C-alpha atoms as a PDB file:
ATOM      1  CA  MET A   1       7.358  27.165   0.676  1.00  0.00           C
ATOM      2  CA  ILE A   2       8.027  25.353   3.967  1.00  0.00           C
ATOM      3  CA  VAL A   3       6.087  26.920   6.837  1.00  0.00           C
ATOM      4  CA  PRO A   4       8.050  27.359  10.115  1.00  0.00           C
ATOM      5  CA  ARG A   5       6.672  26.027  13.416  1.00  0.00           C
ATOM      6  CA  HIS A   6       6.176  28.390  16.323  1.00  0.00           C
ATOM      7  CA  ASP A   7       7.606  25.863  18.824  1.00  0.00           C
ATOM      8  CA  ALA A   8      10.674  24.950  16.734  1.00  0.00           C
ATOM      9  CA  THR A   9      14.219  26.161  17.405  1.00  0.00           C
ATOM     10  CA  TYR A  10      16.256  24.422  14.669  1.00  0.00           C
ATOM     11  CA  SER A  11      16.447  25.040  10.934  1.00  0.00           C
ATOM     12  CA  ARG A  12      17.255  22.218   8.518  1.00  0.00           C
ATOM     13  CA  ASN A  13      20.992  23.008   8.519  1.00  0.00           C
ATOM     14  CA  GLU A  14      21.014  23.461  12.302  1.00  0.00           C
ATOM     15  CA  LEU A  15      19.383  20.040  12.656  1.00  0.00           C
ATOM     16  CA  ILE A  16      22.089  18.424  10.517  1.00  0.00           C
ATOM     17  CA  ALA A  17      24.783  20.098  12.624  1.00  0.00           C
ATOM     18  CA  ALA A  18      23.091  19.148  15.902  1.00  0.00           C
ATOM     19  CA  ILE A  19      22.902  15.438  15.104  1.00  0.00           C
ATOM     20  CA  GLY A  20      26.497  15.447  13.926  1.00  0.00           C
ATOM     21  CA  VAL A  21      26.171  13.905  10.476  1.00  0.00           C
ATOM     22  CA  ASP A  22      27.972  14.754   7.263  1.00  0.00           C
ATOM     23  CA  GLN A  23      26.327  17.627   5.382  1.00  0.00           C
ATOM     24  CA  THR A  24      26.236  15.601   2.158  1.00  0.00           C
ATOM     25  CA  TYR A  25      24.463  12.721   3.908  1.00  0.00           C
ATOM     26  CA  GLY A  26      22.004  15.153   5.485  1.00  0.00           C
ATOM     27  CA  GLU A  27      21.234  16.653   2.075  1.00  0.00           C
ATOM     28  CA  LYS A  28      20.624  13.196   0.606  1.00  0.00           C
ATOM     29  CA  ILE A  29      18.165  12.266   3.361  1.00  0.00           C
ATOM     30  CA  TRP A  30      16.396  15.643   3.118  1.00  0.00           C
ATOM     31  CA  THR A  31      16.013  15.190  -0.630  1.00  0.00           C
ATOM     32  CA  ALA A  32      14.832  11.592  -0.219  1.00  0.00           C
ATOM     33  CA  PHE A  33      12.094  12.786   2.122  1.00  0.00           C
ATOM     34  CA  GLY A  34      10.879  14.825  -0.860  1.00  0.00           C
ATOM     35  CA  PHE A  35      11.904  18.373   0.050  1.00  0.00           C
ATOM     36  CA  GLY A  36      14.552  18.999  -2.609  1.00  0.00           C
ATOM     37  CA  ARG A  37      17.882  20.700  -2.133  1.00  0.00           C
ATOM     38  CA  GLN A  38      16.529  24.193  -1.608  1.00  0.00           C
ATOM     39  CA  LYS A  39      18.047  26.152   1.264  1.00  0.00           C
ATOM     40  CA  SER A  40      15.737  27.018   4.113  1.00  0.00           C
ATOM     41  CA  ASP A  41      16.374  29.004   7.268  1.00  0.00           C
ATOM     42  CA  ALA A  42      12.864  28.325   8.575  1.00  0.00           C
ATOM     43  CA  LYS A  43      12.711  26.948  12.116  1.00  0.00           C
ATOM     44  CA  LEU A  44      11.192  23.502  11.597  1.00  0.00           C
ATOM     45  CA  PHE A  45      12.504  21.208  14.336  1.00  0.00           C
ATOM     46  CA  THR A  46      12.284  20.896  18.120  1.00  0.00           C
ATOM     47  CA  ASP A  47      14.664  19.193  20.565  1.00  0.00           C
ATOM     48  CA  ASP A  48      12.504  16.040  20.372  1.00  0.00           C
ATOM     49  CA  ASP A  49      12.820  16.081  16.579  1.00  0.00           C
ATOM     50  CA  VAL A  50      16.594  16.333  16.877  1.00  0.00           C
ATOM     51  CA  GLU A  51      16.675  13.242  19.112  1.00  0.00           C
ATOM     52  CA  ALA A  52      14.477  11.297  16.680  1.00  0.00           C
ATOM     53  CA  PHE A  53      16.663  12.207  13.692  1.00  0.00           C
ATOM     54  CA  ARG A  54      19.793  11.433  15.720  1.00  0.00           C
ATOM     55  CA  LEU A  55      18.478   7.892  16.266  1.00  0.00           C
ATOM     56  CA  PHE A  56      17.717   7.590  12.533  1.00  0.00           C
ATOM     57  CA  ALA A  57      21.212   8.831  11.650  1.00  0.00           C
ATOM     58  CA  ARG A  58      22.876   6.312  13.986  1.00  0.00           C
ATOM     59  CA  GLY A  59      21.490   3.602  11.761  1.00  0.00           C
ATOM     60  CA  ALA A  60      24.096   4.581   9.159  1.00  0.00           C
ATOM     61  CA  ALA A  61      26.636   2.678  11.253  1.00  0.00           C
ATOM     62  CA  VAL A  62      24.778  -0.634  10.852  1.00  0.00           C
ATOM     63  CA  VAL A  63      22.525  -0.095   7.823  1.00  0.00           C
ATOM     64  CA  ASP A  64      23.732   0.558   4.302  1.00  0.00           C
ATOM     65  CA  GLU A  65      23.307   4.220   3.328  1.00  0.00           C
ATOM     66  CA  SER A  66      21.361   3.293   0.194  1.00  0.00           C
ATOM     67  CA  ALA A  67      18.873   1.370   2.354  1.00  0.00           C
ATOM     68  CA  GLN A  68      18.406   4.380   4.643  1.00  0.00           C
ATOM     69  CA  ILE A  69      17.845   6.670   1.667  1.00  0.00           C
ATOM     70  CA  ALA A  70      15.341   4.197   0.213  1.00  0.00           C
ATOM     71  CA  THR A  71      13.536   4.152   3.559  1.00  0.00           C
ATOM     72  CA  ALA A  72      13.425   7.956   3.651  1.00  0.00           C
ATOM     73  CA  ARG A  73      12.144   8.056   0.076  1.00  0.00           C
ATOM     74  CA  THR A  74       9.355   5.579   0.853  1.00  0.00           C
ATOM     75  CA  ILE A  75       8.300   7.564   3.918  1.00  0.00           C
ATOM     76  CA  GLY A  76       8.388  10.811   1.955  1.00  0.00           C
ATOM     77  CA  LEU A  77       6.407   9.512  -1.019  1.00  0.00           C
ATOM     78  CA  SER A  78       3.757   7.867   1.163  1.00  0.00           C
ATOM     79  CA  LEU A  79       3.262  10.889   3.405  1.00  0.00           C
ATOM     80  CA  ALA A  80       3.337  13.367   0.512  1.00  0.00           C
ATOM     81  CA  ARG A  81       0.482  11.524  -1.159  1.00  0.00           C
ATOM     82  CA  LEU A  82      -1.445  11.392   2.108  1.00  0.00           C
ATOM     83  CA  ALA A  83      -0.807  15.075   2.831  1.00  0.00           C
ATOM     84  CA  ASP A  84      -2.004  16.134  -0.638  1.00  0.00           C
ATOM     85  CA  TRP A  85      -5.300  14.340  -0.100  1.00  0.00           C
ATOM     86  CA  GLN A  86      -5.668  15.659   3.446  1.00  0.00           C
ATOM     87  CA  ALA A  87      -4.992  19.242   2.336  1.00  0.00           C
ATOM     88  CA  ASP A  88      -7.778  19.011  -0.238  1.00  0.00           C
ATOM     89  CA  GLN A  89     -10.161  17.640   2.386  1.00  0.00           C
ATOM     90  CA  LEU A  90      -9.288  20.270   4.989  1.00  0.00           C
ATOM     91  CA  LEU A  91      -9.649  23.124   2.511  1.00  0.00           C
ATOM     92  CA  GLU A  92     -13.021  21.756   1.434  1.00  0.00           C
ATOM     93  CA  PHE A  93     -14.144  21.586   5.069  1.00  0.00           C
ATOM     94  CA  SER A  94     -12.882  25.117   5.758  1.00  0.00           C
ATOM     95  CA  GLU A  95     -15.109  26.489   2.967  1.00  0.00           C
ATOM     96  CA  ASN A  96     -18.193  24.875   4.502  1.00  0.00           C
ATOM     97  CA  PRO A  97     -20.080  27.531   6.534  1.00  0.00           C
ATOM     98  CA  ASP A  98     -21.333  24.839   8.920  1.00  0.00           C
ATOM     99  CA  VAL A  99     -17.771  23.954   9.951  1.00  0.00           C
ATOM    100  CA  THR A 100     -16.661  26.208  12.802  1.00  0.00           C
ATOM    101  CA  TRP A 101     -13.090  24.906  13.285  1.00  0.00           C
ATOM    102  CA  THR A 102     -10.066  26.646  11.846  1.00  0.00           C
ATOM    103  CA  LEU A 103      -7.643  24.956   9.475  1.00  0.00           C
ATOM    104  CA  ASP A 104      -5.063  24.817  12.255  1.00  0.00           C
ATOM    105  CA  GLU A 105      -7.500  23.157  14.671  1.00  0.00           C
ATOM    106  CA  MET A 106      -8.513  20.554  12.102  1.00  0.00           C
ATOM    107  CA  ALA A 107      -4.870  19.864  11.171  1.00  0.00           C
ATOM    108  CA  LYS A 108      -3.927  19.322  14.820  1.00  0.00           C
ATOM    109  CA  ALA A 109      -6.846  16.939  15.377  1.00  0.00           C
ATOM    110  CA  LEU A 110      -5.988  15.037  12.209  1.00  0.00           C
ATOM    111  CA  SER A 111      -2.351  14.796  13.314  1.00  0.00           C
ATOM    112  CA  ARG A 112      -3.325  13.215  16.644  1.00  0.00           C
ATOM    113  CA  ILE A 113      -5.690  10.729  14.989  1.00  0.00           C
ATOM    114  CA  GLN A 114      -3.048   9.853  12.423  1.00  0.00           C
ATOM    115  CA  ARG A 115      -0.429   9.139  15.118  1.00  0.00           C
ATOM    116  CA  LEU A 116      -2.931   7.043  17.087  1.00  0.00           C
ATOM    117  CA  VAL A 117      -3.907   4.914  14.074  1.00  0.00           C
ATOM    118  CA  TRP A 118      -0.241   4.466  13.125  1.00  0.00           C
ATOM    119  CA  ARG A 119       0.719   3.377  16.656  1.00  0.00           C
ATOM    120  CA  ILE A 120      -2.064   0.788  16.734  1.00  0.00           C
ATOM    121  CA  HIS A 121      -1.101  -0.592  13.310  1.00  0.00           C
ATOM    122  CA  LEU A 122       2.558  -0.734  14.330  1.00  0.00           C
ATOM    123  CA  SER A 123       1.680  -2.526  17.575  1.00  0.00           C
ATOM    124  CA  ILE A 124      -0.389  -5.110  15.693  1.00  0.00           C
ATOM    125  CA  ALA A 125       2.382  -5.638  13.122  1.00  0.00           C
ATOM    126  CA  LEU A 126       5.070  -6.043  15.801  1.00  0.00           C
ATOM    127  CA  GLU A 127       2.972  -8.458  17.836  1.00  0.00           C
ATOM    128  CA  GLY A 128       2.160 -10.495  14.744  1.00  0.00           C
ATOM    129  CA  SER A 129       5.832 -10.737  13.827  1.00  0.00           C
ATOM    130  CA  ARG A 130       6.778 -11.867  17.342  1.00  0.00           C
ATOM    131  CA  SER A 131       4.057 -14.465  17.807  1.00  0.00           C
ATOM    132  CA  SER A 132       3.929 -16.127  14.397  1.00  0.00           C
ATOM    133  CA  HIS A 133       5.995 -17.074  11.406  1.00  0.00           C
ATOM    134  CA  THR A 134       4.021 -14.781   9.114  1.00  0.00           C
ATOM    135  CA  GLY A 135       6.130 -11.739   9.901  1.00  0.00           C
ATOM    136  CA  HIS A 136       8.719 -10.726   7.326  1.00  0.00           C
ATOM    137  CA  ASP A 137      11.602  -8.302   7.082  1.00  0.00           C
ATOM    138  CA  ASP A 138      12.801  -6.223   4.180  1.00  0.00           C
ATOM    139  CA  HIS A 139      14.854  -8.260   1.698  1.00  0.00           C
ATOM    140  CA  ASP A 140      13.517 -11.529   3.151  1.00  0.00           C
ATOM    141  CA  ASP A 141      12.105 -14.223   0.932  1.00  0.00           C
ATOM    142  CA  TRP A 142       8.502 -14.382   2.063  1.00  0.00           C
ATOM    143  CA  THR A 143       6.303 -17.293   1.011  1.00  0.00           C
ATOM    144  CA  THR A 144       2.846 -15.853   0.560  1.00  0.00           C
ATOM    145  CA  THR A 145      -0.177 -15.650  -1.681  1.00  0.00           C
ATOM    146  CA  VAL A 146      -0.425 -12.554  -3.860  1.00  0.00           C
ATOM    147  CA  GLY A 147      -3.605 -11.287  -5.452  1.00  0.00           C
ATOM    148  CA  PHE A 148      -4.458  -8.660  -8.037  1.00  0.00           C
ATOM    149  CA  VAL A 149      -7.951  -7.203  -8.394  1.00  0.00           C
ATOM    150  CA  ASP A 150      -8.912  -4.732 -11.079  1.00  0.00           C
ATOM    151  CA  LEU A 151     -11.895  -2.923 -12.534  1.00  0.00           C
ATOM    152  CA  VAL A 152     -12.986  -4.319 -15.904  1.00  0.00           C
ATOM    153  CA  GLY A 153     -13.217  -1.648 -18.606  1.00  0.00           C
ATOM    154  CA  TYR A 154     -11.641   1.064 -16.480  1.00  0.00           C
ATOM    155  CA  THR A 155     -10.216   2.974 -19.472  1.00  0.00           C
ATOM    156  CA  SER A 156     -13.631   3.211 -21.079  1.00  0.00           C
ATOM    157  CA  LEU A 157     -15.270   4.156 -17.781  1.00  0.00           C
ATOM    158  CA  SER A 158     -12.738   6.914 -17.124  1.00  0.00           C
ATOM    159  CA  ARG A 159     -13.705   8.504 -20.448  1.00  0.00           C
ATOM    160  CA  GLN A 160     -17.423   8.349 -19.720  1.00  0.00           C
ATOM    161  CA  LEU A 161     -17.402   9.635 -16.134  1.00  0.00           C
ATOM    162  CA  ASP A 162     -16.658  13.141 -14.934  1.00  0.00           C
ATOM    163  CA  HIS A 163     -14.039  13.630 -12.213  1.00  0.00           C
ATOM    164  CA  ARG A 164     -16.547  13.517  -9.367  1.00  0.00           C
ATOM    165  CA  GLU A 165     -18.126  10.292 -10.611  1.00  0.00           C
ATOM    166  CA  LEU A 166     -14.704   8.734 -11.234  1.00  0.00           C
ATOM    167  CA  ASN A 167     -13.593   9.644  -7.730  1.00  0.00           C
ATOM    168  CA  GLU A 168     -16.728   8.068  -6.254  1.00  0.00           C
ATOM    169  CA  LEU A 169     -16.135   4.888  -8.277  1.00  0.00           C
ATOM    170  CA  ILE A 170     -12.499   4.528  -7.198  1.00  0.00           C
ATOM    171  CA  THR A 171     -13.380   5.316  -3.577  1.00  0.00           C
ATOM    172  CA  SER A 172     -16.153   2.691  -3.553  1.00  0.00           C
ATOM    173  CA  PHE A 173     -13.872   0.129  -5.199  1.00  0.00           C
ATOM    174  CA  GLU A 174     -10.983   0.661  -2.783  1.00  0.00           C
ATOM    175  CA  HIS A 175     -13.256   0.679   0.266  1.00  0.00           C
ATOM    176  CA  ALA A 176     -15.202  -2.457  -0.651  1.00  0.00           C
ATOM    177  CA  VAL A 177     -12.203  -4.546  -1.725  1.00  0.00           C
ATOM    178  CA  SER A 178      -9.920  -3.389   1.094  1.00  0.00           C
ATOM    179  CA  THR A 179     -12.618  -4.238   3.638  1.00  0.00           C
ATOM    180  CA  VAL A 180     -12.839  -7.800   2.324  1.00  0.00           C
ATOM    181  CA  ILE A 181      -9.047  -8.203   2.321  1.00  0.00           C
ATOM    182  CA  THR A 182      -8.761  -6.979   5.909  1.00  0.00           C
ATOM    183  CA  MET A 183     -11.660  -9.143   7.130  1.00  0.00           C
ATOM    184  CA  HIS A 184      -9.730 -12.233   5.978  1.00  0.00           C
ATOM    185  CA  ASP A 185      -6.502 -11.122   7.709  1.00  0.00           C
ATOM    186  CA  GLY A 186      -4.872 -10.055   4.470  1.00  0.00           C
ATOM    187  CA  GLN A 187      -2.771  -6.993   3.740  1.00  0.00           C
ATOM    188  CA  VAL A 188      -3.370  -4.344   1.092  1.00  0.00           C
ATOM    189  CA  ILE A 189       0.075  -3.840  -0.430  1.00  0.00           C
ATOM    190  CA  LYS A 190      -0.861  -0.939  -2.682  1.00  0.00           C
ATOM    191  CA  THR A 191      -3.674   0.582  -4.720  1.00  0.00           C
ATOM    192  CA  LEU A 192      -3.181   1.414  -8.386  1.00  0.00           C
ATOM    193  CA  GLY A 193      -6.274   3.436  -9.252  1.00  0.00           C
ATOM    194  CA  ASP A 194      -8.074   0.694 -11.142  1.00  0.00           C
ATOM    195  CA  GLY A 195      -6.323  -2.131  -9.291  1.00  0.00           C
ATOM    196  CA  ILE A 196      -5.384  -3.403  -5.847  1.00  0.00           C
ATOM    197  CA  LEU A 197      -2.467  -5.657  -4.932  1.00  0.00           C
ATOM    198  CA  PHE A 198      -2.866  -7.677  -1.742  1.00  0.00           C
ATOM    199  CA  ALA A 199      -1.110 -10.488   0.113  1.00  0.00           C
ATOM    200  CA  ASN A 200      -2.182 -13.177   2.545  1.00  0.00           C
ATOM    201  CA  SER A 201       0.192 -15.734   4.086  1.00  0.00           C
ATOM    202  CA  ASP A 202      -2.599 -18.329   4.248  1.00  0.00           C
ATOM    203  CA  PRO A 203      -3.719 -19.626   0.814  1.00  0.00           C
ATOM    204  CA  ILE A 204      -7.068 -20.754   2.256  1.00  0.00           C
ATOM    205  CA  ARG A 205      -7.837 -17.248   3.523  1.00  0.00           C
ATOM    206  CA  ALA A 206      -6.572 -15.822   0.230  1.00  0.00           C
ATOM    207  CA  ALA A 207      -8.993 -18.050  -1.686  1.00  0.00           C
ATOM    208  CA  ARG A 208     -11.882 -17.001   0.550  1.00  0.00           C
ATOM    209  CA  THR A 209     -10.848 -13.385  -0.008  1.00  0.00           C
ATOM    210  CA  ALA A 210     -10.943 -13.840  -3.779  1.00  0.00           C
ATOM    211  CA  LEU A 211     -14.390 -15.436  -3.682  1.00  0.00           C
ATOM    212  CA  ALA A 212     -15.763 -12.647  -1.490  1.00  0.00           C
ATOM    213  CA  ILE A 213     -14.333 -10.029  -3.860  1.00  0.00           C
ATOM    214  CA  ALA A 214     -15.874 -11.858  -6.827  1.00  0.00           C
ATOM    215  CA  ASP A 215     -19.233 -11.563  -5.048  1.00  0.00           C
ATOM    216  CA  LEU A 216     -18.862  -7.774  -5.312  1.00  0.00           C
ATOM    217  CA  SER A 217     -18.411  -7.907  -9.081  1.00  0.00           C
ATOM    218  CA  GLY A 218     -21.159  -6.053 -10.923  1.00  0.00           C
ATOM    219  CA  VAL A 219     -22.996  -5.094  -7.738  1.00  0.00           C
ATOM    220  CA  PRO A 220     -23.708  -1.327  -7.908  1.00  0.00           C
ATOM    221  CA  PRO A 221     -21.912   0.956  -7.598  1.00  0.00           C
ATOM    222  CA  LEU A 222     -19.097  -1.361  -8.740  1.00  0.00           C
ATOM    223  CA  PRO A 223     -18.659  -2.585 -12.310  1.00  0.00           C
ATOM    224  CA  GLN A 224     -17.349  -6.057 -13.119  1.00  0.00           C
ATOM    225  CA  LEU A 225     -14.149  -7.106 -11.311  1.00  0.00           C
ATOM    226  CA  ARG A 226     -11.572  -9.794 -12.063  1.00  0.00           C
ATOM    227  CA  ILE A 227      -8.979 -11.438  -9.849  1.00  0.00           C
ATOM    228  CA  GLY A 228      -5.642 -13.199 -10.307  1.00  0.00           C
ATOM    229  CA  ILE A 229      -3.959 -15.193  -7.520  1.00  0.00           C
ATOM    230  CA  ALA A 230      -0.459 -16.728  -7.327  1.00  0.00           C
ATOM    231  CA  GLU A 231       1.461 -18.364  -4.489  1.00  0.00           C
ATOM    232  CA  GLY A 232       5.213 -18.462  -3.911  1.00  0.00           C
ATOM    233  CA  GLU A 233       8.262 -16.627  -2.622  1.00  0.00           C
ATOM    234  CA  VAL A 234       8.359 -12.848  -2.968  1.00  0.00           C
ATOM    235  CA  LEU A 235      10.850 -10.190  -1.929  1.00  0.00           C
ATOM    236  CA  ALA A 236       9.421  -7.908   0.761  1.00  0.00           C
ATOM    237  CA  ARG A 237      10.910  -4.434   0.490  1.00  0.00           C
ATOM    238  CA  LEU A 238       9.739  -1.183   2.081  1.00  0.00           C
ATOM    239  CA  GLY A 239       6.117  -2.267   2.323  1.00  0.00           C
ATOM    240  CA  ASP A 240       5.991  -3.570  -1.240  1.00  0.00           C
ATOM    241  CA  VAL A 241       6.472  -7.048  -2.704  1.00  0.00           C
ATOM    242  CA  PHE A 242       8.375  -8.170  -5.794  1.00  0.00           C
ATOM    243  CA  GLY A 243       8.966 -11.442  -7.580  1.00  0.00           C
ATOM    244  CA  GLU A 244       7.466 -13.934  -9.982  1.00  0.00           C
ATOM    245  CA  PRO A 245       4.222 -14.543  -8.023  1.00  0.00           C
ATOM    246  CA  VAL A 246       3.452 -10.801  -8.334  1.00  0.00           C
ATOM    247  CA  ASN A 247       4.013 -10.920 -12.104  1.00  0.00           C
ATOM    248  CA  ILE A 248       1.950 -14.096 -12.498  1.00  0.00           C
ATOM    249  CA  ALA A 249      -0.933 -12.732 -10.409  1.00  0.00           C
ATOM    250  CA  ALA A 250      -1.019  -9.613 -12.601  1.00  0.00           C
ATOM    251  CA  ARG A 251      -1.030 -11.681 -15.815  1.00  0.00           C
ATOM    252  CA  LEU A 252      -3.775 -13.956 -14.480  1.00  0.00           C
ATOM    253  CA  CYS A 253      -5.865 -10.967 -13.457  1.00  0.00           C
ATOM    254  CA  GLY A 254      -5.515  -9.465 -16.932  1.00  0.00           C
ATOM    255  CA  SER A 255      -6.559 -12.766 -18.521  1.00  0.00           C
ATOM    256  CA  ALA A 256      -9.533 -13.488 -16.248  1.00  0.00           C
ATOM    257  CA  ARG A 257     -13.045 -12.993 -17.546  1.00  0.00           C
ATOM    258  CA  PRO A 258     -15.266 -10.430 -15.791  1.00  0.00           C
ATOM    259  CA  GLY A 259     -16.423 -11.680 -12.416  1.00  0.00           C
ATOM    260  CA  THR A 260     -14.011 -14.636 -12.364  1.00  0.00           C
ATOM    261  CA  ILE A 261     -10.836 -15.738 -10.566  1.00  0.00           C
ATOM    262  CA  LEU A 262      -7.738 -17.320 -12.111  1.00  0.00           C
ATOM    263  CA  ILE A 263      -5.086 -18.984  -9.938  1.00  0.00           C
ATOM    264  CA  ASP A 264      -1.646 -20.446 -10.649  1.00  0.00           C
ATOM    265  CA  ASP A 265      -0.528 -24.060 -10.137  1.00  0.00           C
ATOM    266  CA  ASN A 266       1.001 -23.396  -6.703  1.00  0.00           C
ATOM    267  CA  MET A 267      -2.229 -21.898  -5.436  1.00  0.00           C
ATOM    268  CA  ALA A 268      -4.274 -24.703  -6.987  1.00  0.00           C
ATOM    269  CA  ALA A 269      -2.143 -27.322  -5.229  1.00  0.00           C
ATOM    270  CA  ALA A 270      -2.465 -25.508  -1.883  1.00  0.00           C
ATOM    271  CA  ILE A 271      -6.283 -25.530  -1.865  1.00  0.00           C
ATOM    272  CA  ASP A 272      -7.233 -28.402  -4.176  1.00  0.00           C
ATOM    273  CA  ASP A 273      -8.219 -30.784  -1.350  1.00  0.00           C
ATOM    274  CA  ASP A 274     -10.447 -28.236   0.376  1.00  0.00           C
ATOM    275  CA  GLU A 275     -14.100 -29.014  -0.330  1.00  0.00           C
ATOM    276  CA  ARG A 276     -15.051 -25.345   0.050  1.00  0.00           C
ATOM    277  CA  PHE A 277     -13.423 -24.573  -3.302  1.00  0.00           C
ATOM    278  CA  ARG A 278     -13.885 -25.714  -6.874  1.00  0.00           C
ATOM    279  CA  VAL A 279     -10.642 -25.663  -8.887  1.00  0.00           C
ATOM    280  CA  ARG A 280     -10.714 -26.415 -12.616  1.00  0.00           C
ATOM    281  CA  SER A 281      -7.659 -26.261 -14.881  1.00  0.00           C
ATOM    282  CA  ILE A 282      -7.845 -24.371 -18.173  1.00  0.00           C
ATOM    283  CA  ALA A 283      -5.732 -24.355 -21.310  1.00  0.00           C
ATOM    284  CA  PRO A 284      -2.288 -22.758 -20.841  1.00  0.00           C
ATOM    285  CA  LEU A 285      -2.281 -18.995 -21.319  1.00  0.00           C
ATOM    286  CA  SER A 286       0.032 -17.090 -23.631  1.00  0.00           C
ATOM    287  CA  VAL A 287       0.708 -13.784 -21.871  1.00  0.00           C
ATOM    288  CA  ARG A 288       3.552 -11.288 -21.718  1.00  0.00           C
ATOM    289  CA  GLY A 289       6.578 -13.039 -20.246  1.00  0.00           C
ATOM    290  CA  TYR A 290       4.952 -16.492 -20.243  1.00  0.00           C
ATOM    291  CA  ARG A 291       4.238 -18.489 -23.410  1.00  0.00           C
ATOM    292  CA  ARG A 292       2.433 -21.329 -21.608  1.00  0.00           C
ATOM    293  CA  LEU A 293       1.235 -20.161 -18.213  1.00  0.00           C
ATOM    294  CA  ARG A 294      -0.650 -22.954 -16.457  1.00  0.00           C
ATOM    295  CA  ALA A 295      -3.757 -21.713 -14.668  1.00  0.00           C
ATOM    296  CA  SER A 296      -7.048 -22.794 -13.118  1.00  0.00           C
ATOM    297  CA  THR A 297     -10.351 -21.186 -12.311  1.00  0.00           C
ATOM    298  CA  LEU A 298     -11.448 -20.818  -8.701  1.00  0.00           C
ATOM    299  CA  SER A 299     -15.109 -20.846  -7.692  1.00  0.00           C
ATOM    300  CA  ARG A 300     -17.435 -22.294  -5.083  1.00  0.00           C
ATOM    301  CA  PRO A 301     -18.692 -25.879  -5.423  1.00  0.00           C
ATOM    302  CA  LYS A 302     -21.928 -26.211  -7.339  1.00  0.00           C
END
């Protein structure tokens, strides 16, 4: 059930009419945001919301409809996941007798913080794209270094731990690894429960990131970690990356021994002359999709 807003004057259908778009297109966008095709007369939108959606709808004149729907779907999926987690947290807080705020008060405060953090991230991303060549647009070929990190023995661990312990493990893993990635100017592309995909346009910083993550391996509360790194052109699309370097990084990660880093030939060539790193080739790997995948280990000099 969609809860109406006390300050809203437009229902979903009234919004579609007000911005002047085709009803079918409006239904597609609404569904892509994750709300289904159910009818709703609830008042959900203000005049400011109408103006924002009108600007979004104008993009149909210059942006392919499928791209707009994909954008809406990405926004919807990301925010739905975030909202589910936030709802659990707010309900848990509301049951704490020491918390004196109402659910509505906490939700409003969280909304303001969320908008602030988003604006700062957007400002940083826009400035970075303007002032350097590291910015990238959707559907662009982006030359970058891609890394996969995963928890060794996650399947076994998930069977041994209860839900609370598993949650604490995943939270510690994501926090520790994401902190290292951010400290070296990298970008967390996505988390996968037992794995993290990241990117860094600078192979030197990516190598330093991998070594710092390897230092976390086996240090409580984390179990052993392993890392795979590949460098090359990827397709950047809706905050995600696709292409052969992503596949190779995943295969290298899966083949790495606990606590170690495997890199591909492109990455090895990019950092081989740097005395801060020790690169040693290994026998070609036979992995899914690659019968003879050339790889090297990355470590610090002895």
